[in-house]
Amino acid sequence: MSDDLISQLKTMLIDGLRLEDIVPDDLSADTPLFNGGLGLDSIDALEIGVMLDRQFGVKVTSGDEKNNQIFASLRSLAEFVSANRTR
């Protein structure tokens, strides 16, 4: 997993979720995406899943037991993408 991938994910999340008052430098690799951190919700998780599929060819399955781990932080999301990307 590279810092470049984390940077790509930061930009994707900010632009795709229209996080208006946040810039990539505001986010660290260990920033929690839910529960405090960015404060995202289940609708945001669905949107992230669509973005991951479009940009990286990564499929996230609703109801997967690993989703809490995958979406825990930017770093864990990047690790998942790195291990499963098709593009």
PDB file of N, CA and C in Angstrom:
ATOM      1  N   MET A   1       0.844  -1.170   0.000  1.00  0.00           N
ATOM      2  CA  MET A   1       0.000   0.000   0.000  1.00  0.00           C
ATOM      3  C   MET A   1       0.893   1.239   0.000  1.00  0.00           C
ATOM      4  N   SER A   2       0.519   2.206  -0.817  1.00  0.00           N
ATOM      5  CA  SER A   2       1.370   3.386  -0.949  1.00  0.00           C
ATOM      6  C   SER A   2       0.685   4.642  -0.436  1.00  0.00           C
ATOM      7  N   ASP A   3       1.523   5.638  -0.158  1.00  0.00           N
ATOM      8  CA  ASP A   3       0.997   6.944   0.230  1.00  0.00           C
ATOM      9  C   ASP A   3       0.196   7.555  -0.910  1.00  0.00           C
ATOM     10  N   ASP A   4       0.558   7.208  -2.143  1.00  0.00           N
ATOM     11  CA  ASP A   4      -0.162   7.710  -3.303  1.00  0.00           C
ATOM     12  C   ASP A   4      -1.613   7.214  -3.294  1.00  0.00           C
ATOM     13  N   LEU A   5      -1.814   5.969  -2.923  1.00  0.00           N
ATOM     14  CA  LEU A   5      -3.163   5.420  -2.849  1.00  0.00           C
ATOM     15  C   LEU A   5      -3.965   6.127  -1.761  1.00  0.00           C
ATOM     16  N   ILE A   6      -3.352   6.369  -0.615  1.00  0.00           N
ATOM     17  CA  ILE A   6      -4.043   7.092   0.458  1.00  0.00           C
ATOM     18  C   ILE A   6      -4.412   8.489  -0.013  1.00  0.00           C
ATOM     19  N   SER A   7      -3.522   9.153  -0.728  1.00  0.00           N
ATOM     20  CA  SER A   7      -3.824  10.481  -1.269  1.00  0.00           C
ATOM     21  C   SER A   7      -4.991  10.425  -2.252  1.00  0.00           C
ATOM     22  N   GLN A   8      -5.001   9.409  -3.106  1.00  0.00           N
ATOM     23  CA  GLN A   8      -6.104   9.232  -4.054  1.00  0.00           C
ATOM     24  C   GLN A   8      -7.426   9.044  -3.309  1.00  0.00           C
ATOM     25  N   LEU A   9      -7.401   8.237  -2.262  1.00  0.00           N
ATOM     26  CA  LEU A   9      -8.614   7.987  -1.489  1.00  0.00           C
ATOM     27  C   LEU A   9      -9.099   9.249  -0.783  1.00  0.00           C
ATOM     28  N   LYS A  10      -8.172  10.029  -0.248  1.00  0.00           N
ATOM     29  CA  LYS A  10      -8.544  11.295   0.394  1.00  0.00           C
ATOM     30  C   LYS A  10      -9.299  12.176  -0.591  1.00  0.00           C
ATOM     31  N   THR A  11      -8.724  12.355  -1.756  1.00  0.00           N
ATOM     32  CA  THR A  11      -9.340  13.204  -2.779  1.00  0.00           C
ATOM     33  C   THR A  11     -10.678  12.633  -3.226  1.00  0.00           C
ATOM     34  N   MET A  12     -10.732  11.320  -3.424  1.00  0.00           N
ATOM     35  CA  MET A  12     -11.967  10.681  -3.845  1.00  0.00           C
ATOM     36  C   MET A  12     -13.078  10.903  -2.819  1.00  0.00           C
ATOM     37  N   LEU A  13     -12.758  10.724  -1.540  1.00  0.00           N
ATOM     38  CA  LEU A  13     -13.767  10.891  -0.491  1.00  0.00           C
ATOM     39  C   LEU A  13     -14.226  12.343  -0.385  1.00  0.00           C
ATOM     40  N   ILE A  14     -13.291  13.268  -0.400  1.00  0.00           N
ATOM     41  CA  ILE A  14     -13.637  14.690  -0.264  1.00  0.00           C
ATOM     42  C   ILE A  14     -14.501  15.144  -1.432  1.00  0.00           C
ATOM     43  N   ASP A  15     -14.081  14.797  -2.640  1.00  0.00           N
ATOM     44  CA  ASP A  15     -14.840  15.211  -3.826  1.00  0.00           C
ATOM     45  C   ASP A  15     -16.148  14.433  -3.958  1.00  0.00           C
ATOM     46  N   GLY A  16     -16.078  13.125  -3.819  1.00  0.00           N
ATOM     47  CA  GLY A  16     -17.240  12.270  -4.036  1.00  0.00           C
ATOM     48  C   GLY A  16     -18.335  12.454  -3.008  1.00  0.00           C
ATOM     49  N   LEU A  17     -17.939  12.736  -1.752  1.00  0.00           N
ATOM     50  CA  LEU A  17     -18.928  12.920  -0.695  1.00  0.00           C
ATOM     51  C   LEU A  17     -19.218  14.400  -0.428  1.00  0.00           C
ATOM     52  N   ARG A  18     -18.576  15.248  -1.210  1.00  0.00           N
ATOM     53  CA  ARG A  18     -18.756  16.699  -1.095  1.00  0.00           C
ATOM     54  C   ARG A  18     -18.518  17.192   0.335  1.00  0.00           C
ATOM     55  N   LEU A  19     -17.369  16.819   0.882  1.00  0.00           N
ATOM     56  CA  LEU A  19     -16.978  17.248   2.227  1.00  0.00           C
ATOM     57  C   LEU A  19     -16.377  18.647   2.108  1.00  0.00           C
ATOM     58  N   GLU A  20     -17.214  19.653   2.249  1.00  0.00           N
ATOM     59  CA  GLU A  20     -16.874  21.015   1.873  1.00  0.00           C
ATOM     60  C   GLU A  20     -15.765  21.682   2.669  1.00  0.00           C
ATOM     61  N   ASP A  21     -15.707  21.478   3.954  1.00  0.00           N
ATOM     62  CA  ASP A  21     -14.728  22.193   4.772  1.00  0.00           C
ATOM     63  C   ASP A  21     -13.485  21.375   5.080  1.00  0.00           C
ATOM     64  N   ILE A  22     -13.228  20.358   4.266  1.00  0.00           N
ATOM     65  CA  ILE A  22     -12.089  19.469   4.508  1.00  0.00           C
ATOM     66  C   ILE A  22     -11.182  19.463   3.288  1.00  0.00           C
ATOM     67  N   VAL A  23      -9.877  19.534   3.544  1.00  0.00           N
ATOM     68  CA  VAL A  23      -8.873  19.401   2.490  1.00  0.00           C
ATOM     69  C   VAL A  23      -8.049  18.153   2.809  1.00  0.00           C
ATOM     70  N   PRO A  24      -7.391  17.578   1.806  1.00  0.00           N
ATOM     71  CA  PRO A  24      -6.632  16.335   2.052  1.00  0.00           C
ATOM     72  C   PRO A  24      -5.657  16.412   3.225  1.00  0.00           C
ATOM     73  N   ASP A  25      -5.026  17.558   3.429  1.00  0.00           N
ATOM     74  CA  ASP A  25      -4.069  17.675   4.531  1.00  0.00           C
ATOM     75  C   ASP A  25      -4.726  17.595   5.907  1.00  0.00           C
ATOM     76  N   ASP A  26      -6.047  17.767   5.966  1.00  0.00           N
ATOM     77  CA  ASP A  26      -6.772  17.645   7.239  1.00  0.00           C
ATOM     78  C   ASP A  26      -6.898  16.194   7.684  1.00  0.00           C
ATOM     79  N   LEU A  27      -6.685  15.261   6.765  1.00  0.00           N
ATOM     80  CA  LEU A  27      -6.893  13.847   7.050  1.00  0.00           C
ATOM     81  C   LEU A  27      -5.574  13.108   7.183  1.00  0.00           C
ATOM     82  N   SER A  28      -5.472  12.299   8.222  1.00  0.00           N
ATOM     83  CA  SER A  28      -4.309  11.416   8.342  1.00  0.00           C
ATOM     84  C   SER A  28      -4.745  10.026   7.895  1.00  0.00           C
ATOM     85  N   ALA A  29      -3.787   9.163   7.683  1.00  0.00           N
ATOM     86  CA  ALA A  29      -4.093   7.793   7.251  1.00  0.00           C
ATOM     87  C   ALA A  29      -4.909   7.047   8.298  1.00  0.00           C
ATOM     88  N   ASP A  30      -4.810   7.481   9.554  1.00  0.00           N
ATOM     89  CA  ASP A  30      -5.515   6.793  10.629  1.00  0.00           C
ATOM     90  C   ASP A  30      -6.794   7.515  11.065  1.00  0.00           C
ATOM     91  N   THR A  31      -7.218   8.499  10.291  1.00  0.00           N
ATOM     92  CA  THR A  31      -8.466   9.196  10.581  1.00  0.00           C
ATOM     93  C   THR A  31      -9.631   8.210  10.492  1.00  0.00           C
ATOM     94  N   PRO A  32     -10.406   8.074  11.562  1.00  0.00           N
ATOM     95  CA  PRO A  32     -11.584   7.200  11.487  1.00  0.00           C
ATOM     96  C   PRO A  32     -12.595   7.781  10.498  1.00  0.00           C
ATOM     97  N   LEU A  33     -13.195   6.930   9.700  1.00  0.00           N
ATOM     98  CA  LEU A  33     -14.181   7.402   8.734  1.00  0.00           C
ATOM     99  C   LEU A  33     -15.554   7.564   9.377  1.00  0.00           C
ATOM    100  N   PHE A  34     -15.856   6.744  10.365  1.00  0.00           N
ATOM    101  CA  PHE A  34     -17.147   6.767  11.050  1.00  0.00           C
ATOM    102  C   PHE A  34     -16.916   6.979  12.537  1.00  0.00           C
ATOM    103  N   ASN A  35     -17.993   7.115  13.282  1.00  0.00           N
ATOM    104  CA  ASN A  35     -17.916   7.202  14.748  1.00  0.00           C
ATOM    105  C   ASN A  35     -16.895   8.219  15.233  1.00  0.00           C
ATOM    106  N   GLY A  36     -17.128   9.453  14.977  1.00  0.00           N
ATOM    107  CA  GLY A  36     -16.225  10.484  15.461  1.00  0.00           C
ATOM    108  C   GLY A  36     -15.427  11.116  14.363  1.00  0.00           C
ATOM    109  N   GLY A  37     -14.457  10.431  13.809  1.00  0.00           N
ATOM    110  CA  GLY A  37     -13.582  10.951  12.771  1.00  0.00           C
ATOM    111  C   GLY A  37     -14.281  11.872  11.788  1.00  0.00           C
ATOM    112  N   LEU A  38     -14.547  11.388  10.605  1.00  0.00           N
ATOM    113  CA  LEU A  38     -15.253  12.178   9.598  1.00  0.00           C
ATOM    114  C   LEU A  38     -16.756  12.197   9.841  1.00  0.00           C
ATOM    115  N   GLY A  39     -17.230  11.298  10.673  1.00  0.00           N
ATOM    116  CA  GLY A  39     -18.648  11.264  10.996  1.00  0.00           C
ATOM    117  C   GLY A  39     -19.531  10.827   9.839  1.00  0.00           C
ATOM    118  N   LEU A  40     -19.031   9.947   9.005  1.00  0.00           N
ATOM    119  CA  LEU A  40     -19.810   9.469   7.869  1.00  0.00           C
ATOM    120  C   LEU A  40     -20.921   8.539   8.352  1.00  0.00           C
ATOM    121  N   ASP A  41     -21.918   8.324   7.486  1.00  0.00           N
ATOM    122  CA  ASP A  41     -23.026   7.446   7.847  1.00  0.00           C
ATOM    123  C   ASP A  41     -23.169   6.323   6.821  1.00  0.00           C
ATOM    124  N   SER A  42     -24.218   5.529   6.972  1.00  0.00           N
ATOM    125  CA  SER A  42     -24.391   4.349   6.114  1.00  0.00           C
ATOM    126  C   SER A  42     -24.603   4.726   4.648  1.00  0.00           C
ATOM    127  N   ILE A  43     -25.239   5.851   4.380  1.00  0.00           N
ATOM    128  CA  ILE A  43     -25.419   6.307   3.000  1.00  0.00           C
ATOM    129  C   ILE A  43     -24.050   6.632   2.394  1.00  0.00           C
ATOM    130  N   ASP A  44     -23.188   7.269   3.187  1.00  0.00           N
ATOM    131  CA  ASP A  44     -21.827   7.568   2.718  1.00  0.00           C
ATOM    132  C   ASP A  44     -21.074   6.278   2.411  1.00  0.00           C
ATOM    133  N   ALA A  45     -21.268   5.257   3.236  1.00  0.00           N
ATOM    134  CA  ALA A  45     -20.598   3.969   3.008  1.00  0.00           C
ATOM    135  C   ALA A  45     -21.027   3.378   1.668  1.00  0.00           C
ATOM    136  N   LEU A  46     -22.307   3.480   1.354  1.00  0.00           N
ATOM    137  CA  LEU A  46     -22.789   2.990   0.061  1.00  0.00           C
ATOM    138  C   LEU A  46     -22.151   3.772  -1.087  1.00  0.00           C
ATOM    139  N   GLU A  47     -22.073   5.086  -0.935  1.00  0.00           N
ATOM    140  CA  GLU A  47     -21.458   5.916  -1.970  1.00  0.00           C
ATOM    141  C   GLU A  47     -19.974   5.587  -2.138  1.00  0.00           C
ATOM    142  N   ILE A  48     -19.283   5.343  -1.030  1.00  0.00           N
ATOM    143  CA  ILE A  48     -17.871   4.966  -1.097  1.00  0.00           C
ATOM    144  C   ILE A  48     -17.737   3.646  -1.850  1.00  0.00           C
ATOM    145  N   GLY A  49     -18.623   2.707  -1.576  1.00  0.00           N
ATOM    146  CA  GLY A  49     -18.595   1.423  -2.275  1.00  0.00           C
ATOM    147  C   GLY A  49     -18.726   1.593  -3.777  1.00  0.00           C
ATOM    148  N   VAL A  50     -19.620   2.468  -4.209  1.00  0.00           N
ATOM    149  CA  VAL A  50     -19.802   2.734  -5.642  1.00  0.00           C
ATOM    150  C   VAL A  50     -18.537   3.372  -6.216  1.00  0.00           C
ATOM    151  N   MET A  51     -17.959   4.334  -5.493  1.00  0.00           N
ATOM    152  CA  MET A  51     -16.740   5.007  -5.972  1.00  0.00           C
ATOM    153  C   MET A  51     -15.581   4.018  -6.084  1.00  0.00           C
ATOM    154  N   LEU A  52     -15.451   3.120  -5.112  1.00  0.00           N
ATOM    155  CA  LEU A  52     -14.366   2.129  -5.141  1.00  0.00           C
ATOM    156  C   LEU A  52     -14.514   1.208  -6.339  1.00  0.00           C
ATOM    157  N   ASP A  53     -15.749   0.821  -6.631  1.00  0.00           N
ATOM    158  CA  ASP A  53     -16.000  -0.041  -7.778  1.00  0.00           C
ATOM    159  C   ASP A  53     -15.639   0.677  -9.072  1.00  0.00           C
ATOM    160  N   ARG A  54     -16.069   1.908  -9.218  1.00  0.00           N
ATOM    161  CA  ARG A  54     -15.806   2.668 -10.444  1.00  0.00           C
ATOM    162  C   ARG A  54     -14.326   2.959 -10.647  1.00  0.00           C
ATOM    163  N   GLN A  55     -13.665   3.388  -9.594  1.00  0.00           N
ATOM    164  CA  GLN A  55     -12.278   3.827  -9.742  1.00  0.00           C
ATOM    165  C   GLN A  55     -11.257   2.692  -9.692  1.00  0.00           C
ATOM    166  N   PHE A  56     -11.521   1.673  -8.864  1.00  0.00           N
ATOM    167  CA  PHE A  56     -10.515   0.638  -8.648  1.00  0.00           C
ATOM    168  C   PHE A  56     -10.984  -0.772  -9.009  1.00  0.00           C
ATOM    169  N   GLY A  57     -12.260  -0.925  -9.353  1.00  0.00           N
ATOM    170  CA  GLY A  57     -12.788  -2.251  -9.631  1.00  0.00           C
ATOM    171  C   GLY A  57     -12.933  -3.103  -8.392  1.00  0.00           C
ATOM    172  N   VAL A  58     -13.059  -2.461  -7.236  1.00  0.00           N
ATOM    173  CA  VAL A  58     -13.157  -3.157  -5.958  1.00  0.00           C
ATOM    174  C   VAL A  58     -14.623  -3.275  -5.562  1.00  0.00           C
ATOM    175  N   LYS A  59     -15.031  -4.474  -5.219  1.00  0.00           N
ATOM    176  CA  LYS A  59     -16.406  -4.729  -4.787  1.00  0.00           C
ATOM    177  C   LYS A  59     -16.465  -4.813  -3.267  1.00  0.00           C
ATOM    178  N   VAL A  60     -17.381  -4.046  -2.682  1.00  0.00           N
ATOM    179  CA  VAL A  60     -17.654  -4.122  -1.253  1.00  0.00           C
ATOM    180  C   VAL A  60     -19.068  -4.660  -1.121  1.00  0.00           C
ATOM    181  N   THR A  61     -19.223  -5.729  -0.369  1.00  0.00           N
ATOM    182  CA  THR A  61     -20.515  -6.379  -0.227  1.00  0.00           C
ATOM    183  C   THR A  61     -21.227  -5.875   1.017  1.00  0.00           C
ATOM    184  N   SER A  62     -22.452  -5.424   0.842  1.00  0.00           N
ATOM    185  CA  SER A  62     -23.267  -4.978   1.968  1.00  0.00           C
ATOM    186  C   SER A  62     -23.453  -6.134   2.934  1.00  0.00           C
ATOM    187  N   GLY A  63     -23.301  -5.871   4.209  1.00  0.00           N
ATOM    188  CA  GLY A  63     -23.497  -6.910   5.207  1.00  0.00           C
ATOM    189  C   GLY A  63     -22.279  -7.778   5.472  1.00  0.00           C
ATOM    190  N   ASP A  64     -21.166  -7.511   4.752  1.00  0.00           N
ATOM    191  CA  ASP A  64     -19.940  -8.280   4.977  1.00  0.00           C
ATOM    192  C   ASP A  64     -19.431  -8.003   6.393  1.00  0.00           C
ATOM    193  N   GLU A  65     -19.092  -9.055   7.107  1.00  0.00           N
ATOM    194  CA  GLU A  65     -18.604  -8.917   8.485  1.00  0.00           C
ATOM    195  C   GLU A  65     -17.339  -8.077   8.576  1.00  0.00           C
ATOM    196  N   LYS A  66     -16.568  -8.012   7.502  1.00  0.00           N
ATOM    197  CA  LYS A  66     -15.305  -7.270   7.508  1.00  0.00           C
ATOM    198  C   LYS A  66     -15.478  -5.777   7.245  1.00  0.00           C
ATOM    199  N   ASN A  67     -16.682  -5.323   6.920  1.00  0.00           N
ATOM    200  CA  ASN A  67     -16.879  -3.924   6.566  1.00  0.00           C
ATOM    201  C   ASN A  67     -16.443  -2.955   7.662  1.00  0.00           C
ATOM    202  N   ASN A  68     -16.670  -3.317   8.934  1.00  0.00           N
ATOM    203  CA  ASN A  68     -16.226  -2.432  10.016  1.00  0.00           C
ATOM    204  C   ASN A  68     -14.713  -2.262   9.993  1.00  0.00           C
ATOM    205  N   GLN A  69     -14.002  -3.326   9.684  1.00  0.00           N
ATOM    206  CA  GLN A  69     -12.543  -3.254   9.583  1.00  0.00           C
ATOM    207  C   GLN A  69     -12.123  -2.477   8.338  1.00  0.00           C
ATOM    208  N   ILE A  70     -12.750  -2.768   7.216  1.00  0.00           N
ATOM    209  CA  ILE A  70     -12.397  -2.125   5.947  1.00  0.00           C
ATOM    210  C   ILE A  70     -12.573  -0.620   6.038  1.00  0.00           C
ATOM    211  N   PHE A  71     -13.688  -0.180   6.625  1.00  0.00           N
ATOM    212  CA  PHE A  71     -14.011   1.237   6.694  1.00  0.00           C
ATOM    213  C   PHE A  71     -13.565   1.912   7.985  1.00  0.00           C
ATOM    214  N   ALA A  72     -12.695   1.278   8.752  1.00  0.00           N
ATOM    215  CA  ALA A  72     -12.261   1.851  10.022  1.00  0.00           C
ATOM    216  C   ALA A  72     -11.474   3.143   9.843  1.00  0.00           C
ATOM    217  N   SER A  73     -10.620   3.207   8.833  1.00  0.00           N
ATOM    218  CA  SER A  73      -9.772   4.380   8.614  1.00  0.00           C
ATOM    219  C   SER A  73      -9.349   4.431   7.152  1.00  0.00           C
ATOM    220  N   LEU A  74      -8.704   5.511   6.781  1.00  0.00           N
ATOM    221  CA  LEU A  74      -8.169   5.610   5.426  1.00  0.00           C
ATOM    222  C   LEU A  74      -7.134   4.523   5.173  1.00  0.00           C
ATOM    223  N   ARG A  75      -6.318   4.244   6.177  1.00  0.00           N
ATOM    224  CA  ARG A  75      -5.276   3.220   6.028  1.00  0.00           C
ATOM    225  C   ARG A  75      -5.903   1.842   5.775  1.00  0.00           C
ATOM    226  N   SER A  76      -6.918   1.476   6.550  1.00  0.00           N
ATOM    227  CA  SER A  76      -7.533   0.159   6.360  1.00  0.00           C
ATOM    228  C   SER A  76      -8.272   0.095   5.026  1.00  0.00           C
ATOM    229  N   LEU A  77      -8.869   1.196   4.603  1.00  0.00           N
ATOM    230  CA  LEU A  77      -9.530   1.235   3.298  1.00  0.00           C
ATOM    231  C   LEU A  77      -8.493   1.082   2.184  1.00  0.00           C
ATOM    232  N   ALA A  78      -7.361   1.761   2.327  1.00  0.00           N
ATOM    233  CA  ALA A  78      -6.291   1.662   1.327  1.00  0.00           C
ATOM    234  C   ALA A  78      -5.725   0.242   1.265  1.00  0.00           C
ATOM    235  N   GLU A  79      -5.583  -0.408   2.407  1.00  0.00           N
ATOM    236  CA  GLU A  79      -5.088  -1.791   2.430  1.00  0.00           C
ATOM    237  C   GLU A  79      -6.051  -2.719   1.701  1.00  0.00           C
ATOM    238  N   PHE A  80      -7.347  -2.519   1.929  1.00  0.00           N
ATOM    239  CA  PHE A  80      -8.354  -3.327   1.255  1.00  0.00           C
ATOM    240  C   PHE A  80      -8.312  -3.103  -0.255  1.00  0.00           C
ATOM    241  N   VAL A  81      -8.252  -1.846  -0.668  1.00  0.00           N
ATOM    242  CA  VAL A  81      -8.200  -1.524  -2.093  1.00  0.00           C
ATOM    243  C   VAL A  81      -6.953  -2.109  -2.719  1.00  0.00           C
ATOM    244  N   SER A  82      -5.812  -1.945  -2.064  1.00  0.00           N
ATOM    245  CA  SER A  82      -4.548  -2.446  -2.586  1.00  0.00           C
ATOM    246  C   SER A  82      -4.592  -3.960  -2.794  1.00  0.00           C
ATOM    247  N   ALA A  83      -5.218  -4.665  -1.875  1.00  0.00           N
ATOM    248  CA  ALA A  83      -5.271  -6.130  -1.951  1.00  0.00           C
ATOM    249  C   ALA A  83      -6.310  -6.639  -2.953  1.00  0.00           C
ATOM    250  N   ASN A  84      -7.298  -5.804  -3.310  1.00  0.00           N
ATOM    251  CA  ASN A  84      -8.413  -6.300  -4.103  1.00  0.00           C
ATOM    252  C   ASN A  84      -8.660  -5.566  -5.414  1.00  0.00           C
ATOM    253  N   ARG A  85      -7.864  -4.583  -5.733  1.00  0.00           N
ATOM    254  CA  ARG A  85      -8.140  -3.774  -6.918  1.00  0.00           C
ATOM    255  C   ARG A  85      -7.910  -4.558  -8.207  1.00  0.00           C
ATOM    256  N   THR A  86      -8.732  -4.232  -9.200  1.00  0.00           N
ATOM    257  CA  THR A  86      -8.577  -4.842 -10.523  1.00  0.00           C
ATOM    258  C   THR A  86      -8.157  -3.804 -11.552  1.00  0.00           C
ATOM    259  N   ARG A  87      -8.126  -2.540 -11.155  1.00  0.00           N
ATOM    260  CA  ARG A  87      -7.691  -1.450 -12.042  1.00  0.00           C
ATOM    261  C   ARG A  87      -6.627  -0.632 -11.369  1.00  0.00           C
TER     262      ARG A  87
END
